C-alpha cells in the first residue's frame, strides 16, 4: 500500500528525510542524490501553486460545462 501511495505522489511533494549531508569522499550517487534534494526544495512551492491553479481551472471548466448543458 505504501508503495502505491508513493508512486502516485509527485517526487517534489513527497515527504523527505532530513537533508543529506555530503561526506568529503562520498560516492557520485550520494552526491547526486543530495544535489537533487536541494534542487527539489525550491520547486515544491511551484508545484503547490500549480496544483491550486489546476484546481481552479477545473472548477471553472466544470461550471461552464454545467451552464452549457442547462
N, C-alpha and C. Protein backbone atom coordinates (compact mmCIF):
# COMPACT_ATOMS: atom_id res chain seq x y z
N UNK A 1 0.83 -1.19 0.00
CA UNK A 1 0.00 0.00 0.00
C UNK A 1 0.87 1.25 0.00
N UNK A 2 1.95 1.24 0.80
CA UNK A 2 2.83 2.40 0.87
C UNK A 2 3.47 2.67 -0.49
N UNK A 3 3.87 1.60 -1.16
CA UNK A 3 4.49 1.76 -2.47
C UNK A 3 3.51 2.38 -3.45
N UNK A 4 2.25 1.99 -3.38
CA UNK A 4 1.23 2.53 -4.27
C UNK A 4 1.06 4.02 -4.02
N UNK A 5 1.00 4.43 -2.76
CA UNK A 5 0.86 5.85 -2.44
C UNK A 5 2.10 6.63 -2.88
N UNK A 6 3.26 6.02 -2.70
CA UNK A 6 4.49 6.70 -3.06
C UNK A 6 4.53 6.95 -4.57
N UNK A 7 4.01 6.00 -5.36
CA UNK A 7 4.04 6.15 -6.80
C UNK A 7 3.07 7.21 -7.29
N UNK A 8 2.00 7.49 -6.55
CA UNK A 8 1.01 8.45 -7.01
C UNK A 8 1.35 9.88 -6.61
N UNK A 9 2.23 10.05 -5.66
CA UNK A 9 2.62 11.40 -5.20
C UNK A 9 3.80 11.86 -6.03
N UNK A 10 3.72 13.06 -6.64
CA UNK A 10 4.86 13.56 -7.42
C UNK A 10 6.12 13.66 -6.57
N UNK A 11 7.25 13.51 -7.20
CA UNK A 11 8.53 13.45 -6.49
C UNK A 11 8.77 14.67 -5.61
N UNK A 12 8.41 15.86 -6.06
CA UNK A 12 8.68 17.06 -5.29
C UNK A 12 7.78 17.24 -4.09
N UNK A 13 6.65 16.50 -4.03
CA UNK A 13 5.71 16.69 -2.94
C UNK A 13 5.81 15.60 -1.87
N UNK A 14 6.63 14.61 -2.08
CA UNK A 14 6.78 13.54 -1.10
C UNK A 14 7.49 14.07 0.15
N UNK A 15 7.16 13.43 1.27
CA UNK A 15 7.88 13.78 2.49
C UNK A 15 9.31 13.29 2.34
N UNK A 16 10.23 14.15 2.71
CA UNK A 16 11.63 13.80 2.52
C UNK A 16 12.33 13.67 3.87
N UNK A 17 13.34 12.82 3.91
CA UNK A 17 14.14 12.78 5.14
C UNK A 17 14.91 14.08 5.25
N UNK A 18 15.55 14.27 6.37
CA UNK A 18 16.35 15.47 6.54
C UNK A 18 17.38 15.57 5.43
N UNK A 19 17.79 16.79 5.12
CA UNK A 19 18.72 16.99 4.02
C UNK A 19 19.97 16.16 4.20
N UNK A 20 20.40 15.54 3.13
CA UNK A 20 21.58 14.68 3.19
C UNK A 20 22.84 15.52 3.35
N UNK A 21 23.68 15.07 4.22
CA UNK A 21 24.99 15.70 4.37
C UNK A 21 25.97 14.94 3.48
N UNK A 22 26.80 15.65 2.76
CA UNK A 22 27.74 15.01 1.87
C UNK A 22 29.09 14.89 2.56
N UNK A 23 29.57 13.68 2.61
CA UNK A 23 30.89 13.47 3.18
C UNK A 23 31.93 13.88 2.13
N UNK A 24 33.13 14.25 2.57
CA UNK A 24 34.14 14.68 1.60
C UNK A 24 34.47 13.63 0.54
N UNK A 25 34.44 12.37 0.92
CA UNK A 25 34.77 11.31 -0.03
C UNK A 25 33.53 10.50 -0.41
N UNK A 26 32.39 11.14 -0.52
CA UNK A 26 31.16 10.43 -0.85
C UNK A 26 31.18 9.98 -2.30
N UNK A 27 30.39 8.93 -2.57
CA UNK A 27 30.31 8.42 -3.93
C UNK A 27 29.51 9.38 -4.80
N UNK A 28 29.62 9.21 -6.10
CA UNK A 28 28.91 10.08 -7.03
C UNK A 28 27.40 9.98 -6.85
N UNK A 29 26.90 8.79 -6.59
CA UNK A 29 25.45 8.64 -6.44
C UNK A 29 24.95 9.38 -5.20
N UNK A 30 25.71 9.35 -4.11
CA UNK A 30 25.31 10.08 -2.90
C UNK A 30 25.33 11.59 -3.15
N UNK A 31 26.34 12.04 -3.87
CA UNK A 31 26.41 13.47 -4.19
C UNK A 31 25.24 13.88 -5.08
N UNK A 32 24.93 13.05 -6.05
CA UNK A 32 23.83 13.35 -6.98
C UNK A 32 22.51 13.41 -6.23
N UNK A 33 22.27 12.47 -5.33
CA UNK A 33 21.02 12.47 -4.55
C UNK A 33 20.91 13.73 -3.71
N UNK A 34 22.00 14.13 -3.10
CA UNK A 34 21.98 15.33 -2.26
C UNK A 34 21.69 16.58 -3.09
N UNK A 35 22.28 16.65 -4.28
CA UNK A 35 22.04 17.81 -5.15
C UNK A 35 20.59 17.84 -5.59
N UNK A 36 20.04 16.67 -5.95
CA UNK A 36 18.63 16.61 -6.37
C UNK A 36 17.71 17.03 -5.23
N UNK A 37 18.02 16.62 -4.02
CA UNK A 37 17.20 17.01 -2.86
C UNK A 37 17.20 18.52 -2.69
N UNK A 38 18.37 19.12 -2.83
CA UNK A 38 18.46 20.58 -2.69
C UNK A 38 17.69 21.30 -3.79
N UNK A 39 17.72 20.76 -5.00
CA UNK A 39 17.03 21.40 -6.12
C UNK A 39 15.52 21.22 -6.02
N UNK A 40 15.06 20.16 -5.38
CA UNK A 40 13.62 19.90 -5.25
C UNK A 40 12.95 20.88 -4.31
N UNK A 41 13.66 21.36 -3.31
CA UNK A 41 13.04 22.23 -2.30
C UNK A 41 12.43 23.49 -2.88
N UNK A 42 13.14 24.27 -3.71
CA UNK A 42 12.51 25.48 -4.27
C UNK A 42 11.35 25.12 -5.19
N UNK A 43 11.42 23.95 -5.83
CA UNK A 43 10.40 23.53 -6.76
C UNK A 43 9.09 23.19 -6.04
N UNK A 44 9.15 22.88 -4.76
CA UNK A 44 7.97 22.49 -4.01
C UNK A 44 6.91 23.59 -4.01
N UNK A 45 7.32 24.84 -3.84
CA UNK A 45 6.36 25.95 -3.86
C UNK A 45 5.69 26.05 -5.22
N UNK A 46 6.47 25.89 -6.29
CA UNK A 46 5.90 25.96 -7.63
C UNK A 46 4.89 24.84 -7.86
N UNK A 47 5.18 23.64 -7.37
CA UNK A 47 4.26 22.52 -7.54
C UNK A 47 2.95 22.78 -6.81
N UNK A 48 3.03 23.35 -5.61
CA UNK A 48 1.82 23.65 -4.85
C UNK A 48 0.98 24.70 -5.56
N UNK A 49 1.62 25.74 -6.09
CA UNK A 49 0.90 26.79 -6.80
C UNK A 49 0.26 26.23 -8.07
N UNK A 50 0.98 25.36 -8.77
CA UNK A 50 0.43 24.75 -9.97
C UNK A 50 -0.80 23.91 -9.63
N UNK A 51 -0.74 23.19 -8.52
CA UNK A 51 -1.88 22.36 -8.13
C UNK A 51 -3.10 23.24 -7.85
N UNK A 52 -2.91 24.37 -7.17
CA UNK A 52 -4.02 25.29 -6.89
C UNK A 52 -4.59 25.85 -8.19
N UNK A 53 -3.71 26.21 -9.11
CA UNK A 53 -4.15 26.77 -10.39
C UNK A 53 -4.95 25.73 -11.19
N UNK A 54 -4.49 24.50 -11.20
CA UNK A 54 -5.19 23.44 -11.92
C UNK A 54 -6.56 23.19 -11.30
N UNK A 55 -6.64 23.19 -9.97
CA UNK A 55 -7.92 23.00 -9.29
C UNK A 55 -8.90 24.12 -9.66
N UNK A 56 -8.41 25.36 -9.68
CA UNK A 56 -9.25 26.50 -10.04
C UNK A 56 -9.76 26.36 -11.48
N UNK A 57 -8.86 25.99 -12.38
CA UNK A 57 -9.26 25.80 -13.78
C UNK A 57 -10.29 24.69 -13.91
N UNK A 58 -10.12 23.62 -13.16
CA UNK A 58 -11.06 22.50 -13.22
C UNK A 58 -12.45 22.95 -12.76
N UNK A 59 -12.50 23.75 -11.70
CA UNK A 59 -13.79 24.25 -11.21
C UNK A 59 -14.46 25.16 -12.25
N UNK A 60 -13.68 26.03 -12.87
CA UNK A 60 -14.23 26.94 -13.89
C UNK A 60 -14.78 26.13 -15.06
N UNK A 61 -14.03 25.15 -15.52
CA UNK A 61 -14.50 24.33 -16.64
C UNK A 61 -15.75 23.55 -16.27
N UNK A 62 -15.82 23.08 -15.04
CA UNK A 62 -17.00 22.35 -14.57
C UNK A 62 -18.22 23.25 -14.58
N UNK A 63 -18.05 24.49 -14.10
CA UNK A 63 -19.16 25.44 -14.09
C UNK A 63 -19.61 25.77 -15.51
N UNK A 64 -18.67 25.98 -16.41
CA UNK A 64 -19.03 26.28 -17.81
C UNK A 64 -19.75 25.11 -18.46
N UNK A 65 -19.34 23.90 -18.16
CA UNK A 65 -19.99 22.72 -18.73
C UNK A 65 -21.42 22.61 -18.19
N UNK A 66 -21.60 22.96 -16.92
CA UNK A 66 -22.94 22.90 -16.33
C UNK A 66 -23.87 23.95 -16.98
N UNK A 67 -23.34 25.14 -17.27
CA UNK A 67 -24.12 26.17 -17.92
C UNK A 67 -24.50 25.78 -19.35
N UNK A 68 -23.55 25.16 -20.06
CA UNK A 68 -23.82 24.76 -21.44
C UNK A 68 -24.89 23.67 -21.53
N UNK A 69 -24.87 22.76 -20.56
CA UNK A 69 -25.84 21.66 -20.61
C UNK A 69 -27.24 22.13 -20.16
N UNK A 70 -27.31 23.23 -19.41
CA UNK A 70 -28.61 23.71 -18.93
C UNK A 70 -29.33 24.57 -19.94
